[in-house]
Amino acid sequence: MTKKISFLFYLLSHPIAGYYELRHRNEGSVFLALIMVALFSLSFSLNRIYASFIVNNLDPRSVDSVRELAAVFLLFVLLCVGNWSITCLMEGEGRMKDIFTAVGYALTPMVLLTLPATLVSRFIGAYEEVFYYVLLAFAVVWTLILLMIGIMTIHNYTFGKTLVTLGLTFISMIIIIFLAALLVDLINQLYGFIYSIYMELLFRG
């Protein structure tokens, strides 16, 4: 595991070479990627709870960390499945394992910088919020760059094809959500129909 963690930090500073080794030399770890997703959710929740009132007007008691963790994992799975479904149709070389690992590793800057940004927010005064927002903006940009390079490298795409793929990935996520909601609605209707028949038979019996 120590080797996997050191490779994760190597990937942060050498993303192209790192993602290439992740895809072709199996240097990545799905388990570690899932840990990074969980840590991202935790840091996000801690930021919403403990960030200074100067940058955060949210009531900390309204934050449900467990629900947010479930939402983050659901969004993570949707993104990975959506990307896999699109890249299968566009001759992508990455496997589902590679996509999970690439996306999970791309969240590392958010994990590393969200908590320091939260800490900074506790010591800044009015009109000094820029220090907090610069840290978060840097984390977001770094994450997006890693995500772009990761998808481009593991699927062996050009930059333009990667942009198109990511756009189609978000569209596929919306379609998956719509189909899942439709399926849940159909199941509820079927359950209601069967239950009404059962009650009818019960009363007549």
Protein backbone atom coordinates (compact mmCIF):
# COMPACT_ATOMS: atom_id res chain seq x y z
CA MET A 1 0.00 0.00 0.00
CA THR A 2 2.93 2.34 0.72
CA LYS A 3 4.06 1.92 -2.89
CA LYS A 4 0.55 2.72 -4.14
CA ILE A 5 0.41 5.88 -2.02
CA SER A 6 3.82 7.05 -3.23
CA PHE A 7 2.70 6.44 -6.81
CA LEU A 8 -0.39 8.59 -6.16
CA PHE A 9 1.83 11.55 -5.22
CA TYR A 10 4.09 10.81 -8.19
CA LEU A 11 1.02 11.06 -10.42
CA LEU A 12 0.17 14.50 -9.02
CA SER A 13 3.47 15.94 -10.26
CA HIS A 14 3.81 13.74 -13.39
CA PRO A 15 0.20 13.19 -14.49
CA ILE A 16 0.86 12.09 -18.09
CA ALA A 17 3.52 9.53 -17.15
CA GLY A 18 1.55 8.56 -14.03
CA TYR A 19 -1.69 7.86 -15.85
CA TYR A 20 0.20 5.96 -18.57
CA GLU A 21 1.72 3.69 -15.91
CA LEU A 22 -1.67 3.39 -14.25
CA ARG A 23 -3.18 2.07 -17.48
CA HIS A 24 -0.37 -0.05 -18.90
CA ARG A 25 1.55 -1.17 -15.79
CA ASN A 26 -1.33 -1.53 -13.31
CA GLU A 27 0.24 0.90 -10.86
CA GLY A 28 -3.12 2.22 -9.66
CA SER A 29 -5.40 0.93 -6.92
CA VAL A 30 -9.21 1.00 -7.05
CA PHE A 31 -9.29 0.67 -3.26
CA LEU A 32 -7.08 3.74 -2.84
CA ALA A 33 -9.19 5.62 -5.38
CA LEU A 34 -12.32 4.85 -3.33
CA ILE A 35 -10.51 6.05 -0.20
CA MET A 36 -9.76 9.35 -1.97
CA VAL A 37 -13.45 9.69 -2.86
CA ALA A 38 -14.41 9.11 0.79
CA LEU A 39 -11.76 11.60 1.98
CA PHE A 40 -13.02 14.14 -0.53
CA SER A 41 -16.54 13.76 0.84
CA LEU A 42 -15.25 14.08 4.41
CA SER A 43 -13.20 17.20 3.65
CA PHE A 44 -16.19 18.70 1.82
CA SER A 45 -18.45 18.10 4.83
CA LEU A 46 -15.85 19.45 7.27
CA ASN A 47 -15.50 22.56 5.14
CA ARG A 48 -19.25 23.13 5.23
CA ILE A 49 -19.28 22.65 9.02
CA TYR A 50 -16.13 24.48 10.15
CA ALA A 51 -15.42 27.13 7.52
CA SER A 52 -15.59 30.64 8.98
CA PHE A 53 -18.85 32.57 8.79
CA ILE A 54 -17.01 35.06 6.58
CA VAL A 55 -17.07 32.54 3.71
CA ASN A 56 -19.81 30.22 4.93
CA ASN A 57 -23.28 31.22 6.06
CA LEU A 58 -24.51 27.64 6.31
CA ASP A 59 -25.91 26.29 9.57
CA PRO A 60 -23.49 23.47 10.57
CA ARG A 61 -26.38 21.53 12.11
CA SER A 62 -27.94 21.15 8.67
CA VAL A 63 -24.95 19.22 7.33
CA ASP A 64 -25.55 15.47 7.07
CA SER A 65 -22.12 13.92 6.41
CA VAL A 66 -23.51 10.42 5.81
CA ARG A 67 -25.98 11.64 3.21
CA GLU A 68 -23.29 13.73 1.53
CA LEU A 69 -20.95 10.71 1.47
CA ALA A 70 -23.67 8.65 -0.24
CA ALA A 71 -24.30 11.46 -2.74
CA VAL A 72 -20.59 11.82 -3.56
CA PHE A 73 -20.18 8.08 -4.12
CA LEU A 74 -23.32 8.00 -6.27
CA LEU A 75 -22.03 10.88 -8.38
CA PHE A 76 -18.62 9.21 -8.63
CA VAL A 77 -20.15 5.93 -9.85
CA LEU A 78 -22.41 7.78 -12.28
CA LEU A 79 -19.43 9.64 -13.75
CA CYS A 80 -17.39 6.47 -14.15
CA VAL A 81 -20.24 4.41 -15.61
CA GLY A 82 -21.24 7.27 -17.90
CA ASN A 83 -17.67 7.66 -19.17
CA TRP A 84 -17.29 3.91 -19.67
CA SER A 85 -20.55 3.69 -21.63
CA ILE A 86 -19.47 6.51 -23.95
CA THR A 87 -15.86 5.42 -24.43
CA CYS A 88 -16.97 1.88 -25.29
CA LEU A 89 -18.70 3.42 -28.31
CA MET A 90 -15.77 5.71 -29.15
CA GLU A 91 -12.95 3.16 -29.18
CA GLY A 92 -11.62 4.05 -25.75
CA GLU A 93 -8.87 1.79 -24.44
CA GLY A 94 -9.52 2.30 -20.73
CA ARG A 95 -11.18 -0.38 -18.63
CA MET A 96 -13.76 0.30 -15.94
CA LYS A 97 -11.02 -0.26 -13.36
CA ASP A 98 -8.85 2.38 -15.03
CA ILE A 99 -11.69 4.90 -15.13
CA PHE A 100 -12.52 4.39 -11.43
CA THR A 101 -8.87 4.81 -10.49
CA ALA A 102 -8.25 7.81 -12.74
CA VAL A 103 -11.27 9.73 -11.46
CA GLY A 104 -10.59 8.84 -7.82
CA TYR A 105 -6.95 9.92 -8.06
CA ALA A 106 -7.98 13.18 -9.75
CA LEU A 107 -9.78 14.17 -6.53
CA THR A 108 -6.53 14.19 -4.55
CA PRO A 109 -5.92 17.98 -4.87
CA MET A 110 -9.38 18.62 -3.43
CA VAL A 111 -8.53 16.36 -0.49
CA LEU A 112 -5.14 18.00 0.07
CA LEU A 113 -6.28 21.63 -0.17
CA THR A 114 -9.88 21.79 1.12
CA LEU A 115 -8.93 21.31 4.78
CA PRO A 116 -6.09 23.89 4.65
CA ALA A 117 -8.53 26.30 3.00
CA THR A 118 -11.00 25.64 5.82
CA LEU A 119 -8.27 26.32 8.37
CA VAL A 120 -7.27 29.54 6.59
CA SER A 121 -10.88 30.72 6.69
CA ARG A 122 -10.75 30.62 10.50
CA PHE A 123 -7.97 33.22 10.60
CA ILE A 124 -8.96 35.69 7.92
CA GLY A 125 -10.90 38.87 8.42
CA ALA A 126 -13.38 40.73 6.28
CA TYR A 127 -12.15 41.47 2.75
CA GLU A 128 -9.48 38.76 3.05
CA GLU A 129 -11.63 35.97 1.63
CA VAL A 130 -9.47 35.96 -1.51
CA PHE A 131 -6.90 33.72 0.22
CA TYR A 132 -9.57 31.11 0.92
CA TYR A 133 -11.07 31.22 -2.57
CA VAL A 134 -7.64 31.10 -4.27
CA LEU A 135 -6.83 27.86 -2.46
CA LEU A 136 -10.15 26.29 -3.42
CA ALA A 137 -9.92 27.54 -7.01
CA PHE A 138 -6.42 26.10 -7.33
CA ALA A 139 -7.68 22.74 -6.01
CA VAL A 140 -10.59 22.69 -8.46
CA VAL A 141 -8.43 23.64 -11.46
CA TRP A 142 -5.78 21.07 -10.52
CA THR A 143 -8.47 18.39 -10.18
CA LEU A 144 -10.01 19.24 -13.55
CA ILE A 145 -6.59 19.13 -15.23
CA LEU A 146 -5.85 15.72 -13.69
CA LEU A 147 -9.27 14.45 -14.74
CA MET A 148 -8.73 15.68 -18.30
CA ILE A 149 -5.24 14.18 -18.56
CA GLY A 150 -6.42 10.94 -16.94
CA ILE A 151 -9.30 10.38 -19.35
CA MET A 152 -7.15 11.40 -22.32
CA THR A 153 -4.28 9.08 -21.37
CA ILE A 154 -6.10 5.92 -20.32
CA HIS A 155 -8.30 5.99 -23.44
CA ASN A 156 -5.48 7.13 -25.74
CA TYR A 157 -7.53 10.10 -26.98
CA THR A 158 -6.58 13.44 -28.42
CA PHE A 159 -7.39 16.59 -26.43
CA GLY A 160 -10.37 17.42 -28.67
CA LYS A 161 -11.81 13.91 -28.47
CA THR A 162 -11.41 13.99 -24.70
CA LEU A 163 -13.47 17.19 -24.48
CA VAL A 164 -16.20 15.64 -26.65
CA THR A 165 -16.13 12.47 -24.55
CA LEU A 166 -16.49 14.38 -21.28
CA GLY A 167 -19.42 16.35 -22.70
CA LEU A 168 -21.13 13.14 -23.81
CA THR A 169 -20.32 11.61 -20.42
CA PHE A 170 -22.35 14.28 -18.61
CA ILE A 171 -25.21 13.75 -21.07
CA SER A 172 -25.10 10.00 -20.42
CA MET A 173 -25.19 10.68 -16.66
CA ILE A 174 -28.41 12.66 -17.12
CA ILE A 175 -29.87 9.84 -19.20
CA ILE A 176 -28.91 7.25 -16.57
CA ILE A 177 -30.53 9.34 -13.82
CA PHE A 178 -33.68 9.74 -15.93
CA LEU A 179 -33.88 5.99 -16.64
CA ALA A 180 -33.25 5.14 -12.98
CA ALA A 181 -36.01 7.54 -11.87
CA LEU A 182 -38.34 6.04 -14.49
CA LEU A 183 -37.54 2.53 -13.30
CA VAL A 184 -38.20 3.46 -9.67
CA ASP A 185 -41.52 5.04 -10.65
CA LEU A 186 -42.54 1.92 -12.58
CA ILE A 187 -41.60 -0.31 -9.65
CA ASN A 188 -43.66 1.88 -7.29
CA GLN A 189 -46.63 1.72 -9.63
CA LEU A 190 -46.30 -2.06 -9.96
CA TYR A 191 -46.06 -2.40 -6.19
CA GLY A 192 -49.15 -0.22 -5.73
CA PHE A 193 -51.06 -2.30 -8.29
CA ILE A 194 -50.11 -5.62 -6.68
CA TYR A 195 -50.86 -4.25 -3.22
CA SER A 196 -54.31 -3.03 -4.30
CA ILE A 197 -55.09 -6.49 -5.73
CA TYR A 198 -53.90 -8.11 -2.52
CA MET A 199 -56.08 -5.86 -0.38
CA GLU A 200 -59.05 -6.47 -2.67
CA LEU A 201 -58.62 -10.23 -2.35
CA LEU A 202 -58.11 -9.91 1.39
CA PHE A 203 -61.35 -7.97 1.92
CA ARG A 204 -63.35 -10.26 -0.34
CA GLY A 205 -62.02 -13.33 1.39
